[in-house]
């Protein structure tokens, strides 16, 4: 466990200072985050998103007259620590629900704790398919990698991008990248009639990628689909260009972080991918993006914009506040089990509008979210196409 008490105290203080006239007692949400380990880079900035949301909610009167409080736990990017954090937040801190954990690997383990403890756990970033299948308490305010990549391929087909051959490179020791590279990319390329080679594995500890990359480039593909988090995707793309690849690099939302403009450098020009958040999709999205950049800058974290996982974290806080208001949640310790159940039931029929989009709903525990096809063009994040969220079920 890394610094949870200090971080929780700071967020609680911010919550109370924002609305000193609110009633005593708070409504507590847990937040399993990453401030250490290999996921620190993409995960830690979301703390600013939580802070912004809590301040906004408490400034307008909290939820049912009570301030919102966030109790944070650092998983250290470790699935076992994420599970430990889930137990602590459920049993010791007695939170009403949990935001997080961050990665698919963490969620695959921690969701089991949510089922046993009977409280909602809503992952803010995990996107491997099927993680919520068969579960009652596992939720995700994220979009499935397969659905997003299909939107990208649909756009490329409509634009008639050259696609006589695609190759696939994936980071084998990243859980979601492994699934995407070995299962999702091949299946969807075939569905869209794009021939492809056998997926090629690399590891994030690899020093020399030439033995894997050189044969790919020698086959002269039009497309190379890369599955990896931003830093490893950058390493792969630079190696592809160094070996003379001149086609288009494509990817799902795994590396869709605005900071890739700097990480990829000139070698990233033309890279095309899909993202779950776009800062210019609405005035609210733009305002959040600007506030998020400034808040992280004050924390010493350089962000060129909000990653979709940051926007998802921000909306998760507001979503829980809306559901708790609609369900009349009081935070009474004697009603903890009852109110945890009420939150779950409220999520089943909720319609929520935030920086991610309008009229967001959940199907089978997963949010229905839009997708934005982005291309790095002249060193800038350029929107090629927008895809609306799948419609909410009737009734």
Protein backbone atom coordinates (compact mmCIF):
# COMPACT_ATOMS: atom_id res chain seq x y z
CA UNK A 1 0.00 0.00 0.00
CA UNK A 2 1.46 3.40 -1.01
CA UNK A 3 0.43 6.67 0.69
CA UNK A 4 -3.33 6.01 0.88
CA UNK A 5 -3.93 7.74 4.21
CA UNK A 6 -2.15 10.96 3.22
CA UNK A 7 -3.85 11.19 -0.16
CA UNK A 8 -7.28 10.41 1.28
CA UNK A 9 -6.84 13.07 3.96
CA UNK A 10 -5.90 15.68 1.36
CA UNK A 11 -8.91 14.91 -0.81
CA UNK A 12 -11.25 14.86 2.16
CA UNK A 13 -9.91 18.25 3.28
CA UNK A 14 -10.43 19.68 -0.20
CA UNK A 15 -13.97 18.34 -0.21
CA UNK A 16 -14.88 19.90 3.11
CA UNK A 17 -13.20 23.25 2.38
CA UNK A 18 -15.12 23.50 -0.88
CA UNK A 19 -18.48 23.44 0.92
CA UNK A 20 -18.13 24.29 4.64
CA UNK A 21 -21.88 24.72 5.11
CA UNK A 22 -22.68 21.11 4.24
CA UNK A 23 -23.97 18.66 6.82
CA UNK A 24 -21.56 16.70 8.96
CA UNK A 25 -20.59 13.29 7.67
CA UNK A 26 -19.52 12.44 4.15
CA UNK A 27 -20.49 10.11 1.35
CA UNK A 28 -17.36 8.07 0.74
CA UNK A 29 -16.20 6.66 -2.58
CA UNK A 30 -13.06 4.58 -2.94
CA UNK A 31 -10.53 5.24 -5.71
CA UNK A 32 -7.95 2.59 -6.63
CA UNK A 33 -5.31 4.49 -8.54
CA UNK A 34 -1.67 4.09 -9.59
CA UNK A 35 1.01 6.47 -8.33
CA UNK A 36 3.85 3.97 -8.66
CA UNK A 37 4.87 1.05 -10.85
CA UNK A 38 4.78 0.73 -14.66
CA UNK A 39 1.29 2.29 -14.96
CA UNK A 40 2.21 5.44 -13.02
CA UNK A 41 2.63 7.50 -16.21
CA UNK A 42 -0.82 6.92 -17.71
CA UNK A 43 -2.60 6.43 -14.39
CA UNK A 44 -1.45 9.10 -11.95
CA UNK A 45 -2.81 12.16 -13.82
CA UNK A 46 -6.37 10.93 -13.19
CA UNK A 47 -6.00 12.08 -9.58
CA UNK A 48 -6.43 15.62 -10.91
CA UNK A 49 -9.66 14.55 -12.61
CA UNK A 50 -11.02 13.25 -9.28
CA UNK A 51 -10.02 16.44 -7.48
CA UNK A 52 -11.77 18.61 -10.05
CA UNK A 53 -14.97 16.57 -9.92
CA UNK A 54 -15.11 16.49 -6.11
CA UNK A 55 -14.57 20.24 -5.86
CA UNK A 56 -17.34 20.91 -8.39
CA UNK A 57 -19.82 18.60 -6.69
CA UNK A 58 -19.16 19.91 -3.19
CA UNK A 59 -19.17 23.53 -4.33
CA UNK A 60 -22.73 23.13 -5.52
CA UNK A 61 -23.95 21.54 -2.29
CA UNK A 62 -22.59 18.01 -2.31
CA UNK A 63 -24.91 15.03 -2.67
CA UNK A 64 -28.14 15.03 -0.67
CA UNK A 65 -26.68 17.78 1.49
CA UNK A 66 -23.49 15.88 2.34
CA UNK A 67 -19.98 16.42 0.99
CA UNK A 68 -18.41 13.80 -1.20
CA UNK A 69 -15.18 12.25 0.08
CA UNK A 70 -12.67 10.17 -1.89
CA UNK A 71 -10.59 7.53 -0.13
CA UNK A 72 -7.65 6.62 -2.32
CA UNK A 73 -5.48 3.51 -2.53
CA UNK A 74 -2.39 3.09 -4.70
CA UNK A 75 -2.24 -0.33 -6.35
CA UNK A 76 1.37 0.15 -7.46
CA UNK A 77 0.23 -1.25 -10.85
CA UNK A 78 -0.03 -4.68 -9.18
CA UNK A 79 -3.24 -6.75 -9.51
CA UNK A 80 -2.67 -8.27 -6.05
CA UNK A 81 -2.40 -4.81 -4.52
CA UNK A 82 -5.55 -3.76 -6.37
CA UNK A 83 -7.38 -6.67 -4.75
CA UNK A 84 -5.96 -5.73 -1.36
CA UNK A 85 -7.11 -2.16 -1.90
CA UNK A 86 -10.60 -3.32 -2.80
CA UNK A 87 -10.86 -5.29 0.46
CA UNK A 88 -9.51 -2.40 2.53
CA UNK A 89 -11.85 0.14 0.99
CA UNK A 90 -14.85 -2.19 1.37
CA UNK A 91 -14.19 -3.50 4.86
CA UNK A 92 -12.11 -0.87 6.68
CA UNK A 93 -13.11 2.37 4.99
CA UNK A 94 -16.67 1.17 4.33
CA UNK A 95 -17.02 3.13 1.11
CA UNK A 96 -20.27 3.13 -0.82
CA UNK A 97 -18.65 2.23 -4.15
CA UNK A 98 -15.19 2.13 -5.77
CA UNK A 99 -13.76 3.85 -8.85
CA UNK A 100 -10.99 1.78 -10.44
CA UNK A 101 -8.82 -0.13 -10.69
CA UNK A 102 -6.96 1.19 -13.71
CA UNK A 103 -5.78 -1.70 -15.87
CA UNK A 104 -7.45 -4.80 -17.27
CA UNK A 105 -5.04 -7.00 -15.33
CA UNK A 106 -5.94 -5.29 -12.06
CA UNK A 107 -9.65 -5.33 -12.80
CA UNK A 108 -9.63 -9.04 -13.66
CA UNK A 109 -8.51 -9.75 -10.07
CA UNK A 110 -10.17 -6.95 -8.11
CA UNK A 111 -13.62 -7.46 -9.65
CA UNK A 112 -13.80 -10.75 -7.74
CA UNK A 113 -13.47 -8.83 -4.47
CA UNK A 114 -16.31 -6.53 -5.51
CA UNK A 115 -18.52 -9.57 -6.09
CA UNK A 116 -17.71 -11.02 -2.66
CA UNK A 117 -18.06 -7.70 -0.82
CA UNK A 118 -21.21 -6.76 -2.75
CA UNK A 119 -20.33 -3.21 -3.71
CA UNK A 120 -20.02 -1.59 -7.11
CA UNK A 121 -16.51 -1.33 -8.53
CA UNK A 122 -16.32 0.79 -11.67
CA UNK A 123 -13.06 0.57 -13.59
CA UNK A 124 -12.02 3.84 -15.18
CA UNK A 125 -9.63 2.45 -17.83
CA UNK A 126 -9.70 -1.34 -18.30
CA UNK A 127 -10.91 -2.21 -21.80
CA UNK A 128 -10.18 -5.89 -22.41
CA UNK A 129 -13.36 -7.58 -23.66
CA UNK A 130 -15.53 -9.60 -21.30
CA UNK A 131 -14.23 -8.42 -17.92
CA UNK A 132 -17.72 -7.73 -16.56
CA UNK A 133 -19.37 -10.82 -18.09
CA UNK A 134 -21.36 -12.83 -15.55
CA UNK A 135 -20.75 -10.33 -12.74
CA UNK A 136 -23.28 -8.28 -10.79
CA UNK A 137 -21.05 -5.71 -9.10
CA UNK A 138 -18.36 -5.12 -11.76
CA UNK A 139 -18.89 -2.06 -13.97
CA UNK A 140 -16.74 -0.10 -16.40
CA UNK A 141 -17.01 3.46 -17.64
CA UNK A 142 -14.84 2.46 -20.59
CA UNK A 143 -15.42 1.23 -24.11
CA UNK A 144 -14.44 -2.22 -25.35
CA UNK A 145 -11.18 -2.29 -27.38
CA UNK A 146 -12.80 -4.38 -30.10
CA UNK A 147 -15.68 -1.97 -30.61
CA UNK A 148 -13.31 0.97 -30.85
CA UNK A 149 -10.91 -0.75 -33.28
CA UNK A 150 -13.85 -1.74 -35.47
CA UNK A 151 -14.80 1.94 -35.68
CA UNK A 152 -11.27 2.74 -36.83
CA UNK A 153 -11.31 0.06 -39.52
CA UNK A 154 -14.74 1.19 -40.71
CA UNK A 155 -13.32 4.68 -41.16
CA UNK A 156 -10.26 3.42 -43.07
CA UNK A 157 -12.46 1.37 -45.40
CA UNK A 158 -14.75 4.34 -46.04
CA UNK A 159 -11.66 6.46 -46.83
CA UNK A 160 -10.35 3.68 -49.09
CA UNK A 161 -6.95 3.65 -47.38
CA UNK A 162 -4.53 1.15 -49.00
CA UNK A 163 -4.94 -2.13 -47.12
CA UNK A 164 -3.66 -5.02 -49.25
CA UNK A 165 -1.65 -6.35 -46.28
CA UNK A 166 -1.52 -5.60 -42.55
CA UNK A 167 0.95 -6.75 -39.94
CA UNK A 168 0.40 -6.86 -36.18
CA UNK A 169 2.88 -6.07 -33.37
CA UNK A 170 1.87 -6.37 -29.72
CA UNK A 171 3.49 -6.06 -26.29
CA UNK A 172 3.18 -9.55 -24.85
CA UNK A 173 3.58 -8.60 -21.17
CA UNK A 174 0.80 -5.99 -21.15
CA UNK A 175 -2.43 -7.87 -20.52
CA UNK A 176 -4.72 -5.76 -22.68
CA UNK A 177 -2.12 -5.40 -25.47
CA UNK A 178 -1.68 -9.17 -25.52
CA UNK A 179 -5.42 -9.74 -25.91
CA UNK A 180 -5.77 -7.01 -28.51
CA UNK A 181 -2.78 -8.15 -30.55
CA UNK A 182 -3.52 -11.86 -30.55
CA UNK A 183 -7.32 -11.90 -30.69
CA UNK A 184 -9.00 -8.57 -31.44
CA UNK A 185 -6.80 -7.23 -34.23
CA UNK A 186 -6.70 -10.49 -36.24
CA UNK A 187 -10.43 -11.13 -35.96
CA UNK A 188 -11.44 -7.60 -36.94
CA UNK A 189 -8.94 -7.30 -39.79
CA UNK A 190 -10.43 -10.50 -41.19
CA UNK A 191 -13.96 -9.19 -40.68
CA UNK A 192 -13.12 -6.09 -42.72
CA UNK A 193 -11.42 -8.15 -45.44
CA UNK A 194 -7.87 -7.00 -44.70
CA UNK A 195 -5.23 -9.77 -45.07
CA UNK A 196 -2.72 -9.91 -42.22
CA UNK A 197 0.36 -11.79 -41.06
CA UNK A 198 0.82 -13.68 -37.81
CA UNK A 199 0.94 -11.35 -34.78
CA UNK A 200 4.51 -10.58 -33.68
CA UNK A 201 5.22 -10.35 -29.94
CA UNK A 202 7.66 -7.98 -28.26
CA UNK A 203 8.20 -7.31 -24.55
CA UNK A 204 8.46 -3.95 -22.83
CA UNK A 205 11.93 -4.92 -21.55
CA UNK A 206 13.19 -5.61 -25.07
CA UNK A 207 16.35 -3.61 -25.80
CA UNK A 208 16.65 -4.50 -29.48
CA UNK A 209 13.46 -4.83 -31.51
CA UNK A 210 15.22 -5.28 -34.85
CA UNK A 211 14.82 -9.09 -34.98
CA UNK A 212 11.03 -8.70 -34.72
CA UNK A 213 10.57 -5.52 -36.76
CA UNK A 214 12.88 -6.11 -39.74
CA UNK A 215 10.92 -9.11 -41.10
CA UNK A 216 7.66 -7.16 -40.80
CA UNK A 217 8.99 -4.26 -42.84
CA UNK A 218 10.48 -6.65 -45.44
CA UNK A 219 6.94 -7.86 -46.26
CA UNK A 220 6.03 -4.30 -47.30
CA UNK A 221 2.63 -4.03 -45.54
CA UNK A 222 0.32 -1.06 -46.07
CA UNK A 223 -0.71 -1.10 -42.40
CA UNK A 224 0.96 -2.12 -39.15
CA UNK A 225 -1.41 -2.46 -36.19
CA UNK A 226 0.43 -1.77 -32.91
CA UNK A 227 -0.95 -2.86 -29.53
CA UNK A 228 0.88 -1.33 -26.60
CA UNK A 229 0.78 1.43 -24.00
CA UNK A 230 2.19 4.79 -25.16
CA UNK A 231 5.87 4.34 -24.28
CA UNK A 232 6.10 0.88 -25.81
CA UNK A 233 4.06 1.92 -28.83
CA UNK A 234 6.51 4.80 -29.33
CA UNK A 235 9.47 2.44 -29.19
CA UNK A 236 7.83 0.14 -31.75
CA UNK A 237 6.90 2.96 -34.13
CA UNK A 238 10.38 4.44 -34.06
CA UNK A 239 11.84 1.03 -34.90
CA UNK A 240 9.38 0.55 -37.76
CA UNK A 241 10.38 3.90 -39.27
CA UNK A 242 14.09 3.24 -38.70
CA UNK A 243 13.75 0.08 -40.81
CA UNK A 244 12.08 2.02 -43.59
CA UNK A 245 8.37 1.35 -43.07
CA UNK A 246 6.45 4.00 -45.02
CA UNK A 247 2.87 2.79 -44.54
CA UNK A 248 0.31 3.70 -41.88
CA UNK A 249 0.62 2.71 -38.23
CA UNK A 250 -2.80 2.07 -36.71
CA UNK A 251 -4.05 1.16 -33.26
CA UNK A 252 -6.99 0.91 -30.92
CA UNK A 253 -7.36 3.22 -27.93
CA UNK A 254 -4.51 1.66 -25.89
CA UNK A 255 -2.02 4.38 -26.78
CA UNK A 256 -4.54 7.19 -27.37
CA UNK A 257 -2.89 9.69 -25.04
CA UNK A 258 -2.32 13.28 -26.24
CA UNK A 259 1.23 13.02 -24.87
CA UNK A 260 2.09 10.68 -27.74
CA UNK A 261 2.62 13.81 -29.84
CA UNK A 262 5.88 14.20 -27.94
CA UNK A 263 6.53 10.52 -27.25
CA UNK A 264 6.24 9.46 -30.89
CA UNK A 265 8.04 12.49 -32.29
CA UNK A 266 8.38 12.92 -36.07
CA UNK A 267 8.17 9.13 -36.52
CA UNK A 268 4.57 9.27 -35.35
CA UNK A 269 3.38 11.32 -38.30
CA UNK A 270 0.40 9.62 -39.93
CA UNK A 271 -0.29 7.27 -37.01
CA UNK A 272 -4.06 6.69 -36.89
CA UNK A 273 -5.97 5.40 -33.89
CA UNK A 274 -9.23 5.66 -31.98
CA UNK A 275 -9.87 7.51 -28.73
CA UNK A 276 -12.78 7.55 -26.31
CA UNK A 277 -12.56 11.28 -25.56
CA UNK A 278 -12.11 14.39 -27.66
CA UNK A 279 -11.64 17.78 -26.07
CA UNK A 280 -13.66 19.60 -28.73
CA UNK A 281 -16.68 17.29 -28.63
CA UNK A 282 -18.52 19.78 -26.36
CA UNK A 283 -17.91 23.00 -24.41
CA UNK A 284 -17.92 20.93 -21.21
CA UNK A 285 -15.26 18.58 -22.59
CA UNK A 286 -13.08 21.53 -23.60
CA UNK A 287 -13.41 23.19 -20.19
CA UNK A 288 -12.53 19.95 -18.40
CA UNK A 289 -9.51 19.42 -20.66
CA UNK A 290 -8.12 22.88 -19.92
CA UNK A 291 -8.70 22.56 -16.16
CA UNK A 292 -7.15 19.09 -16.18
CA UNK A 293 -3.98 20.30 -17.92
CA UNK A 294 -3.62 23.18 -15.45
CA UNK A 295 -4.25 21.02 -12.39
CA UNK A 296 -1.62 18.50 -13.43
CA UNK A 297 0.85 21.27 -14.24
CA UNK A 298 0.42 22.51 -10.67
CA UNK A 299 1.28 18.97 -9.52
CA UNK A 300 4.40 18.94 -11.69
CA UNK A 301 2.90 16.60 -14.31
CA UNK A 302 3.11 17.64 -17.96
CA UNK A 303 -0.01 16.74 -19.93
CA UNK A 304 -0.81 17.91 -23.45
CA UNK A 305 -4.43 16.96 -22.88
CA UNK A 306 -6.71 14.55 -21.07
CA UNK A 307 -6.50 10.87 -21.93
CA UNK A 308 -9.91 9.19 -22.28
CA UNK A 309 -9.19 7.38 -18.99
CA UNK A 310 -8.87 10.78 -17.29
CA UNK A 311 -12.21 11.91 -18.72
CA UNK A 312 -13.73 8.58 -17.71
CA UNK A 313 -12.47 9.07 -14.15
CA UNK A 314 -13.91 12.58 -13.99
CA UNK A 315 -17.28 11.42 -15.31
CA UNK A 316 -17.29 8.42 -12.96
CA UNK A 317 -17.27 10.75 -9.94
CA UNK A 318 -20.11 12.84 -11.36
CA UNK A 319 -22.00 9.70 -12.38
CA UNK A 320 -21.86 8.26 -8.86
CA UNK A 321 -22.96 11.62 -7.45
CA UNK A 322 -25.99 11.60 -9.76
CA UNK A 323 -26.93 8.02 -8.91
CA UNK A 324 -26.52 8.63 -5.17
CA UNK A 325 -28.73 11.71 -5.42
CA UNK A 326 -31.38 9.82 -7.38
CA UNK A 327 -31.31 6.92 -4.90
CA UNK A 328 -31.41 9.12 -1.79
CA UNK A 329 -28.11 7.79 -0.40
CA UNK A 330 -27.48 9.04 3.15
CA UNK A 331 -24.16 7.51 4.13
CA UNK A 332 -25.74 6.06 7.29
CA UNK A 333 -23.38 3.26 8.44
CA UNK A 334 -26.36 1.17 9.52
CA UNK A 335 -27.66 1.20 5.93
CA UNK A 336 -24.37 0.49 4.16
CA UNK A 337 -25.37 -2.80 2.51
CA UNK A 338 -28.75 -1.40 1.52
CA UNK A 339 -27.24 1.74 -0.02
CA UNK A 340 -24.52 -0.17 -1.86
CA UNK A 341 -27.28 -2.23 -3.46
CA UNK A 342 -29.29 0.91 -4.29
CA UNK A 343 -26.31 2.34 -6.16
CA UNK A 344 -26.00 -0.83 -8.22
CA UNK A 345 -29.69 -0.83 -9.07
CA UNK A 346 -29.56 2.85 -9.98
CA UNK A 347 -26.76 2.24 -12.47
CA UNK A 348 -28.91 -0.23 -14.37
CA UNK A 349 -31.29 2.47 -15.59
CA UNK A 350 -29.20 5.64 -15.32
CA UNK A 351 -28.89 8.12 -18.16
CA UNK A 352 -25.89 10.35 -17.65
CA UNK A 353 -24.41 13.22 -19.65
CA UNK A 354 -20.83 14.35 -19.08
CA UNK A 355 -17.61 15.21 -20.86
CA UNK A 356 -17.59 11.80 -22.55
CA UNK A 357 -20.94 12.31 -24.24
CA UNK A 358 -24.69 12.63 -23.83
CA UNK A 359 -27.19 10.09 -22.56
CA UNK A 360 -24.59 7.54 -21.46
CA UNK A 361 -26.00 4.20 -20.32
CA UNK A 362 -24.67 0.78 -19.34
CA UNK A 363 -25.23 -2.57 -21.00
CA UNK A 364 -24.04 -5.65 -19.15
CA UNK A 365 -21.94 -3.53 -16.81
CA UNK A 366 -20.13 -1.67 -19.60
CA UNK A 367 -20.78 1.93 -20.63
CA UNK A 368 -21.85 2.75 -24.17
CA UNK A 369 -19.45 5.48 -25.29
CA UNK A 370 -18.57 7.28 -28.53
CA UNK A 371 -15.32 6.86 -30.45
CA UNK A 372 -13.12 9.38 -32.24
CA UNK A 373 -10.74 8.39 -35.03
CA UNK A 374 -7.58 10.48 -34.69
CA UNK A 375 -4.55 10.93 -36.95
CA UNK A 376 -1.27 12.62 -36.10
CA UNK A 377 -0.99 15.13 -38.93
CA UNK A 378 1.66 17.88 -39.08
CA UNK A 379 2.50 17.06 -35.48
CA UNK A 380 -1.06 17.69 -34.27
CA UNK A 381 -3.94 15.58 -32.98
CA UNK A 382 -6.36 15.67 -35.94
CA UNK A 383 -9.94 14.36 -35.92
CA UNK A 384 -10.78 12.16 -38.93
CA UNK A 385 -14.18 10.78 -37.92
CA UNK A 386 -16.62 10.55 -35.00
CA UNK A 387 -18.69 7.50 -34.13
CA UNK A 388 -21.67 7.84 -31.77
CA UNK A 389 -22.21 5.55 -28.85
CA UNK A 390 -24.39 2.54 -29.46
CA UNK A 391 -27.99 3.35 -28.51
CA UNK A 392 -29.25 2.70 -25.01
CA UNK A 393 -31.80 -0.08 -24.57
CA UNK A 394 -35.41 0.97 -24.35
CA UNK A 395 -37.30 0.78 -21.10
